[in-house]
Amino acid sequence: MSWVQVGDSDIRYVEKGTGQPVVFLHGFGSCAEAWFQQFDAFGDRFRVIAYDSVNHGHSTNSPRDGQEPDRADELEGFLAALGIDRPVLAGNSMGALTILRWASRHPDDATALIPSGMGVTPPSEDGTPAATRRALFDPIDQETVFIPAGGGTAFTKRFETESKLMFDRYVRARSTATRIEAARHPRTFTMHDPSREELGERVVKIASPMQIVVGSEDWLAPAARHLHSLVSGSRFAEIPGAPHNVYYEAATTYNEVVSAFLSDVF
């Protein structure tokens, strides 16, 4: 593992392999280790990199009386610190939202984009923005050490019971001191340039090749389909029976989709 300074933050990251950089961005509450199945699948073809966002994994915490950092700014700083130009960016949930926001600032600067578990909320029938169902992240108490990841949203109930070891690995990997501190003292979110509300009108300008992946059981599947309709030339894959954390629970199928996409890009 390695660390790099991004502004005032100490960002921890892991990497494997050589060649074209492929940067994986985790979701809210997760960490770099959650991408270990993608490291195994792609580390012999690419330089695969995953970093812990501030308030996650082994990176630093932001001040308790402050905000979560703007994740697109954080990604900008991380890429600059590592000297990465024209990356392949893959992200799930919060990570996917980050790469979409970054790509809206840099419409053709990525070699490829792979958002999963995220999209753009379609308007309601009367044309007004529709509300997006979002998981609630309540503060944990002082006794909680392993942060829950169940509830049938991030993973299916079947996975939690039939693949208990893999599920437990995810819970243990993300339950670091940094994440526990942030879960006990939640910061407010920050998004600018674009805001979440502005994203729909900005993503239409993205010209980098894009592969959208979503699980059929993900509450954000309609938003992912709408993103596909907005981004010209984008590719779309909906994995049957897969949940929000599609890259983890349905890793084999997710990796097959991504591999085919990257083979076409390269």
Protein backbone atom coordinates (compact mmCIF):
# COMPACT_ATOMS: atom_id res chain seq x y z
CA MET A 1 0.00 0.00 0.00
CA SER A 2 1.07 3.59 -0.61
CA TRP A 3 0.05 7.09 0.39
CA VAL A 4 -0.04 10.38 -1.50
CA GLN A 5 -0.83 13.91 -0.35
CA VAL A 6 -3.87 15.44 -2.04
CA GLY A 7 -4.24 18.96 -0.69
CA ASP A 8 -4.44 18.62 3.09
CA SER A 9 -5.47 14.96 2.89
CA ASP A 10 -3.31 11.85 3.17
CA ILE A 11 -4.77 9.43 0.62
CA ARG A 12 -3.95 5.75 0.83
CA TYR A 13 -4.04 3.63 -2.32
CA VAL A 14 -3.16 0.17 -3.58
CA GLU A 15 -2.01 -0.83 -7.04
CA LYS A 16 -1.00 -3.83 -9.11
CA GLY A 17 0.38 -4.43 -12.59
CA THR A 18 1.74 -2.13 -15.28
CA GLY A 19 0.52 -0.33 -18.37
CA GLN A 20 -2.67 1.67 -18.90
CA PRO A 21 -3.94 2.96 -15.52
CA VAL A 22 -7.39 1.75 -14.49
CA VAL A 23 -8.57 3.59 -11.37
CA PHE A 24 -11.35 2.05 -9.26
CA LEU A 25 -13.46 4.30 -7.02
CA HIS A 26 -15.41 2.75 -4.15
CA GLY A 27 -18.86 3.65 -2.89
CA PHE A 28 -19.91 5.49 0.24
CA GLY A 29 -18.81 3.58 3.33
CA SER A 30 -16.59 1.18 1.37
CA CYS A 31 -12.84 1.07 0.68
CA ALA A 32 -10.18 0.22 -1.89
CA GLU A 33 -9.98 -3.45 -0.84
CA ALA A 34 -13.54 -4.02 -2.03
CA TRP A 35 -12.14 -4.14 -5.59
CA PHE A 36 -9.91 -7.17 -4.94
CA GLN A 37 -11.84 -9.31 -7.43
CA GLN A 38 -11.20 -6.72 -10.15
CA PHE A 39 -7.51 -6.55 -9.18
CA ASP A 40 -7.32 -10.31 -9.71
CA ALA A 41 -9.15 -10.07 -13.04
CA PHE A 42 -7.35 -7.09 -14.59
CA GLY A 43 -4.00 -6.78 -12.81
CA ASP A 44 -2.20 -8.81 -15.46
CA ARG A 45 -3.36 -6.49 -18.30
CA PHE A 46 -3.42 -3.05 -16.71
CA ARG A 47 -2.00 -0.94 -13.92
CA VAL A 48 -4.97 -1.23 -11.58
CA ILE A 49 -5.28 1.33 -8.79
CA ALA A 50 -7.83 1.86 -6.03
CA TYR A 51 -7.74 4.55 -3.38
CA ASP A 52 -9.56 5.20 -0.11
CA SER A 53 -11.56 8.41 -0.22
CA VAL A 54 -11.22 10.76 2.75
CA ASN A 55 -13.22 9.40 5.73
CA HIS A 56 -12.87 5.86 4.36
CA GLY A 57 -10.40 3.00 4.60
CA HIS A 58 -6.97 4.14 5.74
CA SER A 59 -7.02 7.71 4.41
CA THR A 60 -7.37 10.71 6.70
CA ASN A 61 -10.54 12.06 8.24
CA SER A 62 -11.88 15.49 7.43
CA PRO A 63 -12.53 17.81 10.40
CA ARG A 64 -15.59 16.81 12.41
CA ASP A 65 -17.09 20.27 12.11
CA GLY A 66 -16.50 20.36 8.34
CA GLN A 67 -17.90 18.66 5.28
CA GLU A 68 -17.15 15.60 3.23
CA PRO A 69 -14.72 16.68 0.51
CA ASP A 70 -16.05 17.23 -2.98
CA ARG A 71 -15.22 13.82 -4.44
CA ALA A 72 -14.66 15.12 -7.97
CA ASP A 73 -12.09 17.57 -6.59
CA GLU A 74 -10.52 14.68 -4.68
CA LEU A 75 -10.28 12.60 -7.88
CA GLU A 76 -8.73 15.57 -9.73
CA GLY A 77 -6.08 15.86 -7.04
CA PHE A 78 -5.37 12.13 -6.91
CA LEU A 79 -4.86 11.82 -10.67
CA ALA A 80 -2.61 14.88 -10.67
CA ALA A 81 -0.56 13.60 -7.72
CA LEU A 82 0.10 10.30 -9.50
CA GLY A 83 0.66 11.98 -12.87
CA ILE A 84 -2.11 10.00 -14.54
CA ASP A 85 -3.41 11.34 -17.87
CA ARG A 86 -6.31 9.85 -19.83
CA PRO A 87 -7.21 7.18 -17.27
CA VAL A 88 -9.78 4.44 -17.40
CA LEU A 89 -12.12 5.24 -14.49
CA ALA A 90 -14.43 2.65 -12.94
CA GLY A 91 -16.60 3.43 -9.95
CA ASN A 92 -19.59 2.08 -8.08
CA SER A 93 -22.31 4.15 -6.39
CA MET A 94 -20.58 7.23 -4.90
CA GLY A 95 -17.52 6.32 -6.97
CA ALA A 96 -19.59 6.23 -10.15
CA LEU A 97 -21.18 9.57 -9.30
CA THR A 98 -17.68 10.95 -8.83
CA ILE A 99 -16.45 9.83 -12.25
CA LEU A 100 -19.61 11.15 -13.93
CA ARG A 101 -19.09 14.53 -12.29
CA TRP A 102 -15.37 14.48 -13.18
CA ALA A 103 -16.20 13.51 -16.77
CA SER A 104 -18.71 16.35 -17.03
CA ARG A 105 -15.73 18.66 -16.37
CA HIS A 106 -13.51 16.71 -18.79
CA PRO A 107 -15.89 15.38 -21.48
CA ASP A 108 -13.24 13.62 -23.58
CA ASP A 109 -10.22 13.36 -21.26
CA ALA A 110 -10.76 9.77 -20.10
CA THR A 111 -9.74 6.76 -22.14
CA ALA A 112 -12.88 5.02 -20.87
CA LEU A 113 -15.53 5.36 -18.15
CA ILE A 114 -17.27 2.51 -16.33
CA PRO A 115 -19.95 3.73 -13.90
CA SER A 116 -21.95 1.11 -12.01
CA GLY A 117 -24.71 1.34 -9.43
CA MET A 118 -25.45 4.93 -10.42
CA GLY A 119 -27.12 7.06 -13.06
CA VAL A 120 -29.16 10.19 -13.56
CA THR A 121 -32.63 10.28 -12.07
CA PRO A 122 -35.22 10.52 -14.85
CA PRO A 123 -37.85 13.25 -14.59
CA SER A 124 -41.30 12.35 -13.35
CA GLU A 125 -44.24 12.17 -15.76
CA ASP A 126 -45.08 15.84 -15.23
CA GLY A 127 -41.51 16.84 -16.08
CA THR A 128 -40.34 17.69 -12.57
CA PRO A 129 -37.28 15.95 -11.12
CA ALA A 130 -38.19 12.66 -9.51
CA ALA A 131 -37.00 11.78 -6.04
CA THR A 132 -34.23 9.19 -5.94
CA ARG A 133 -34.42 6.53 -3.28
CA ARG A 134 -31.24 6.68 -1.24
CA ALA A 135 -29.97 4.45 1.52
CA LEU A 136 -29.94 6.10 4.92
CA PHE A 137 -26.65 6.11 6.77
CA ASP A 138 -27.48 6.70 10.41
CA PRO A 139 -24.65 7.42 12.82
CA ILE A 140 -23.38 4.30 14.59
CA ASP A 141 -23.18 4.11 18.38
CA GLN A 142 -19.99 3.95 20.42
CA GLU A 143 -20.19 0.17 20.74
CA THR A 144 -20.37 -0.65 17.02
CA VAL A 145 -17.09 -1.83 15.52
CA PHE A 146 -18.12 -3.67 12.37
CA ILE A 147 -20.26 -1.35 10.27
CA PRO A 148 -23.41 -3.09 8.97
CA ALA A 149 -23.71 -3.59 5.21
CA GLY A 150 -26.95 -5.56 4.96
CA GLY A 151 -30.59 -4.63 4.78
CA GLY A 152 -31.19 -5.91 1.25
CA THR A 153 -29.97 -2.75 -0.53
CA ALA A 154 -26.21 -3.05 -1.11
CA PHE A 155 -26.40 -6.85 -1.33
CA THR A 156 -29.17 -9.39 -1.81
CA LYS A 157 -30.37 -11.39 1.19
CA ARG A 158 -29.33 -14.51 -0.69
CA PHE A 159 -25.74 -13.31 -0.88
CA GLU A 160 -25.65 -12.43 2.82
CA THR A 161 -26.67 -15.97 3.79
CA GLU A 162 -25.29 -18.19 0.99
CA SER A 163 -21.98 -16.33 0.54
CA LYS A 164 -21.43 -15.39 4.14
CA LEU A 165 -17.63 -15.45 3.97
CA MET A 166 -17.54 -12.99 1.06
CA PHE A 167 -20.11 -10.80 2.78
CA ASP A 168 -18.13 -10.85 6.04
CA ARG A 169 -14.95 -9.96 4.16
CA TYR A 170 -16.62 -6.84 2.80
CA VAL A 171 -17.83 -5.80 6.27
CA ARG A 172 -14.42 -6.37 7.87
CA ALA A 173 -12.47 -4.69 5.07
CA ARG A 174 -14.40 -1.43 5.30
CA SER A 175 -14.70 -1.24 9.09
CA THR A 176 -11.47 0.70 9.65
CA ALA A 177 -10.85 3.26 12.36
CA THR A 178 -11.18 6.07 9.79
CA ARG A 179 -14.60 4.85 8.64
CA ILE A 180 -15.84 4.16 12.16
CA GLU A 181 -14.90 7.70 13.23
CA ALA A 182 -16.73 9.20 10.25
CA ALA A 183 -19.76 6.97 10.81
CA ARG A 184 -19.97 8.12 14.43
CA HIS A 185 -19.63 11.77 13.40
CA PRO A 186 -21.17 12.14 9.90
CA ARG A 187 -20.09 15.10 7.79
CA THR A 188 -22.38 16.88 5.36
CA PHE A 189 -21.98 16.25 1.63
CA THR A 190 -20.40 18.70 -0.80
CA MET A 191 -20.94 18.79 -4.57
CA HIS A 192 -20.21 21.65 -6.93
CA ASP A 193 -19.38 21.91 -10.62
CA PRO A 194 -21.67 20.16 -11.16
CA SER A 195 -24.17 19.69 -8.38
CA ARG A 196 -26.23 16.53 -8.46
CA GLU A 197 -29.14 18.54 -9.84
CA GLU A 198 -27.00 19.85 -12.72
CA LEU A 199 -25.59 16.46 -13.66
CA GLY A 200 -28.31 15.48 -16.13
CA GLU A 201 -27.70 18.46 -18.37
CA ARG A 202 -23.93 18.04 -18.15
CA VAL A 203 -23.48 14.33 -18.90
CA VAL A 204 -24.84 14.75 -22.43
CA LYS A 205 -21.50 16.33 -23.38
CA ILE A 206 -19.41 13.34 -22.29
CA ALA A 207 -17.59 11.94 -25.32
CA SER A 208 -15.29 9.36 -23.70
CA PRO A 209 -16.30 5.71 -24.28
CA MET A 210 -18.67 4.65 -21.51
CA GLN A 211 -19.88 1.25 -20.28
CA ILE A 212 -22.74 1.52 -17.79
CA VAL A 213 -23.32 -1.49 -15.51
CA VAL A 214 -26.20 -1.98 -13.10
CA GLY A 215 -27.86 -4.83 -11.25
CA SER A 216 -31.49 -5.54 -12.01
CA GLU A 217 -32.20 -5.45 -8.25
CA ASP A 218 -30.56 -2.05 -7.78
CA TRP A 219 -33.00 0.74 -6.87
CA LEU A 220 -30.95 2.96 -9.18
CA ALA A 221 -31.49 0.79 -12.26
CA PRO A 222 -33.97 3.32 -13.77
CA ALA A 223 -31.40 6.09 -13.24
CA ALA A 224 -28.73 3.98 -14.95
CA ARG A 225 -31.02 3.40 -17.94
CA HIS A 226 -31.68 7.13 -18.13
CA LEU A 227 -27.95 7.85 -18.06
CA HIS A 228 -27.57 5.49 -21.02
CA SER A 229 -30.24 7.42 -22.92
CA LEU A 230 -28.45 10.71 -22.25
CA VAL A 231 -24.88 9.73 -23.18
CA SER A 232 -24.57 9.17 -26.91
CA GLY A 233 -22.71 6.00 -27.83
CA SER A 234 -22.68 4.62 -24.30
CA ARG A 235 -23.01 0.88 -23.71
CA PHE A 236 -25.40 -0.57 -21.15
CA ALA A 237 -25.43 -3.87 -19.25
CA GLU A 238 -28.05 -4.85 -16.68
CA ILE A 239 -27.02 -7.94 -14.73
CA PRO A 240 -30.03 -10.10 -13.73
CA GLY A 241 -30.47 -10.64 -10.00
CA ALA A 242 -27.56 -8.40 -9.05
CA PRO A 243 -27.86 -5.69 -6.36
CA HIS A 244 -26.41 -2.22 -5.87
CA ASN A 245 -22.89 -3.52 -5.23
CA VAL A 246 -22.92 -5.31 -8.57
CA TYR A 247 -19.12 -5.35 -8.94
CA TYR A 248 -18.75 -7.32 -5.69
CA GLU A 249 -21.68 -9.72 -5.50
CA ALA A 250 -21.77 -10.40 -9.27
CA ALA A 251 -18.03 -9.96 -9.85
CA THR A 252 -17.67 -12.70 -12.47
CA THR A 253 -20.34 -11.24 -14.76
CA TYR A 254 -19.30 -7.66 -14.05
CA ASN A 255 -15.69 -8.51 -14.96
CA GLU A 256 -16.80 -10.20 -18.19
CA VAL A 257 -18.74 -7.09 -19.24
CA VAL A 258 -15.84 -4.78 -18.38
CA SER A 259 -13.29 -7.04 -20.07
CA ALA A 260 -15.27 -7.11 -23.32
CA PHE A 261 -15.66 -3.33 -23.22
CA LEU A 262 -11.97 -2.69 -22.59
CA SER A 263 -11.01 -5.14 -25.34
CA ASP A 264 -13.02 -3.01 -27.76
CA VAL A 265 -11.52 0.23 -26.42
CA PHE A 266 -7.98 -1.09 -26.75
